[in-house]
Amino acid sequence: MSGGTHFGRLAGATHHPTWRAYLHDRLNLYTATAPNLAAAAATLRRDLNRVKLDIEPRLLHHDLQPGHLLRTAGGLRLLLDWELAVFGDPISDRARLAVRLRLPPPVALTFAPAQSPVRVAPNSFE
């Protein structure tokens, strides 16, 4: 398999200062290539401007699963199969992995002022 600047879903991807800017750019591309989507894109643009999306987009694996994680005999840790990589919200990969592993929802913890925090881990990954 060969990579390069025009490989997979990252073809033509540019670095944007915020996730909102990246999504607006994608909407512009969709509207330019499919003018019949202009009305739907305009609605999405208005919605995007109402949501706090000032985080910087990051390169995401976008298909995290145990089969894509590898540790060599020398201890080197590898993440394989970047075919579905995209730019996006930095927590997206973790959320997708949690869904794929069917992890339970996070549990909110409250502590009395005199207590030490206790970490509750429904699943252990070692």
Protein backbone atom coordinates (compact mmCIF):
# COMPACT_ATOMS: atom_id res chain seq x y z
CA MET A 1 0.00 0.00 0.00
CA SER A 2 1.32 3.43 -0.82
CA GLY A 3 0.51 6.74 0.81
CA GLY A 4 1.14 10.26 -0.27
CA THR A 5 -0.53 13.65 -0.24
CA HIS A 6 -3.68 12.41 -1.99
CA PHE A 7 -4.30 9.22 -0.08
CA GLY A 8 -7.64 8.11 1.36
CA ARG A 9 -10.03 10.51 3.05
CA LEU A 10 -7.27 12.99 3.86
CA ALA A 11 -6.87 14.01 0.23
CA GLY A 12 -6.59 17.77 0.06
CA ALA A 13 -7.06 18.19 3.82
CA THR A 14 -5.67 21.43 5.16
CA HIS A 15 -4.98 22.40 8.72
CA HIS A 16 -7.75 24.62 10.15
CA PRO A 17 -7.47 26.69 13.34
CA THR A 18 -10.73 25.33 14.78
CA TRP A 19 -13.11 22.42 14.32
CA ARG A 20 -15.81 24.91 13.26
CA ALA A 21 -13.58 26.25 10.46
CA TYR A 22 -12.87 22.71 9.27
CA LEU A 23 -16.59 21.84 9.20
CA HIS A 24 -17.47 25.07 7.37
CA ASP A 25 -14.82 24.22 4.78
CA ARG A 26 -16.33 20.74 4.33
CA LEU A 27 -19.80 22.27 3.88
CA ASN A 28 -18.38 24.61 1.21
CA LEU A 29 -16.88 21.63 -0.61
CA TYR A 30 -20.14 19.67 -0.47
CA THR A 31 -22.13 22.67 -1.74
CA ALA A 32 -19.68 23.25 -4.59
CA THR A 33 -19.81 19.62 -5.72
CA ALA A 34 -23.54 19.08 -5.08
CA PRO A 35 -25.45 22.39 -5.44
CA ASN A 36 -28.71 20.66 -4.48
CA LEU A 37 -27.29 20.45 -0.94
CA ALA A 38 -26.99 24.25 -0.63
CA ALA A 39 -30.16 24.70 1.47
CA ALA A 40 -29.23 21.91 3.88
CA ALA A 41 -25.65 23.24 4.09
CA ALA A 42 -26.93 26.74 4.92
CA THR A 43 -28.99 25.30 7.80
CA LEU A 44 -25.99 23.36 9.08
CA ARG A 45 -23.80 26.50 8.87
CA ARG A 46 -26.27 28.41 11.07
CA ASP A 47 -26.33 25.52 13.56
CA LEU A 48 -22.53 25.33 13.60
CA ASN A 49 -22.32 28.99 14.55
CA ARG A 50 -24.49 28.36 17.63
CA VAL A 51 -22.32 25.57 19.06
CA LYS A 52 -18.99 25.97 20.88
CA LEU A 53 -16.55 24.32 18.50
CA ASP A 54 -13.38 26.30 19.09
CA ILE A 55 -11.19 23.24 19.58
CA GLU A 56 -8.41 22.54 17.11
CA PRO A 57 -9.11 19.57 14.80
CA ARG A 58 -6.69 16.67 15.12
CA LEU A 59 -5.78 13.73 12.95
CA LEU A 60 -7.94 10.81 14.10
CA HIS A 61 -7.52 7.11 13.42
CA HIS A 62 -11.34 6.87 13.16
CA ASP A 63 -11.43 3.07 13.47
CA LEU A 64 -9.93 2.25 16.87
CA GLN A 65 -10.38 -1.34 17.92
CA PRO A 66 -8.23 -3.90 19.72
CA GLY A 67 -7.22 -5.54 16.43
CA HIS A 68 -5.51 -2.33 15.32
CA LEU A 69 -3.34 -2.11 18.45
CA LEU A 70 -0.04 -3.97 18.47
CA ARG A 71 2.87 -4.23 20.90
CA THR A 72 6.14 -5.61 19.55
CA ALA A 73 8.40 -7.97 21.52
CA GLY A 74 10.64 -4.95 22.15
CA GLY A 75 7.77 -3.03 23.76
CA LEU A 76 7.07 -0.69 20.83
CA ARG A 77 3.37 0.20 20.63
CA LEU A 78 1.81 0.54 17.18
CA LEU A 79 -1.55 1.68 15.85
CA LEU A 80 -2.29 -0.02 12.53
CA ASP A 81 -4.71 0.53 9.62
CA TRP A 82 -5.07 4.28 9.07
CA GLU A 83 -7.31 3.84 6.00
CA LEU A 84 -10.29 5.64 7.61
CA ALA A 85 -8.25 8.51 9.13
CA VAL A 86 -9.92 11.92 9.21
CA PHE A 87 -9.50 15.28 10.90
CA GLY A 88 -11.89 15.86 13.76
CA ASP A 89 -12.70 16.40 17.40
CA PRO A 90 -9.86 15.03 19.55
CA ILE A 91 -12.21 13.00 21.78
CA SER A 92 -13.95 11.31 18.86
CA ASP A 93 -11.53 8.37 18.67
CA ARG A 94 -11.93 7.64 22.38
CA ALA A 95 -15.71 7.85 22.14
CA ARG A 96 -15.80 5.48 19.15
CA LEU A 97 -13.56 3.01 20.98
CA ALA A 98 -15.78 3.13 24.08
CA VAL A 99 -18.83 2.35 21.93
CA ARG A 100 -17.03 -0.45 20.10
CA LEU A 101 -15.92 -1.99 23.43
CA ARG A 102 -19.44 -1.50 24.84
CA LEU A 103 -18.11 0.35 27.88
CA PRO A 104 -20.72 1.54 30.36
CA PRO A 105 -21.42 5.28 30.58
CA PRO A 106 -19.06 7.23 32.84
CA VAL A 107 -20.15 7.39 36.47
CA ALA A 108 -20.26 10.78 38.18
CA LEU A 109 -18.42 10.72 41.49
CA THR A 110 -18.93 13.04 44.44
CA PHE A 111 -16.65 13.28 47.44
CA ALA A 112 -17.12 14.59 50.95
CA PRO A 113 -14.50 17.24 51.78
CA ALA A 114 -12.65 14.95 54.24
CA GLN A 115 -12.50 11.93 51.89
CA SER A 116 -9.73 11.04 49.52
CA PRO A 117 -10.80 10.56 45.89
CA VAL A 118 -11.33 6.93 44.95
CA ARG A 119 -10.99 5.95 41.32
CA VAL A 120 -13.84 3.77 40.07
CA ALA A 121 -12.92 1.75 37.01
CA PRO A 122 -15.68 -0.54 35.69
CA ASN A 123 -13.23 -2.03 33.19
CA SER A 124 -9.48 -2.40 33.55
CA PHE A 125 -7.13 -2.11 30.57
CA GLU A 126 -3.64 -3.36 31.27
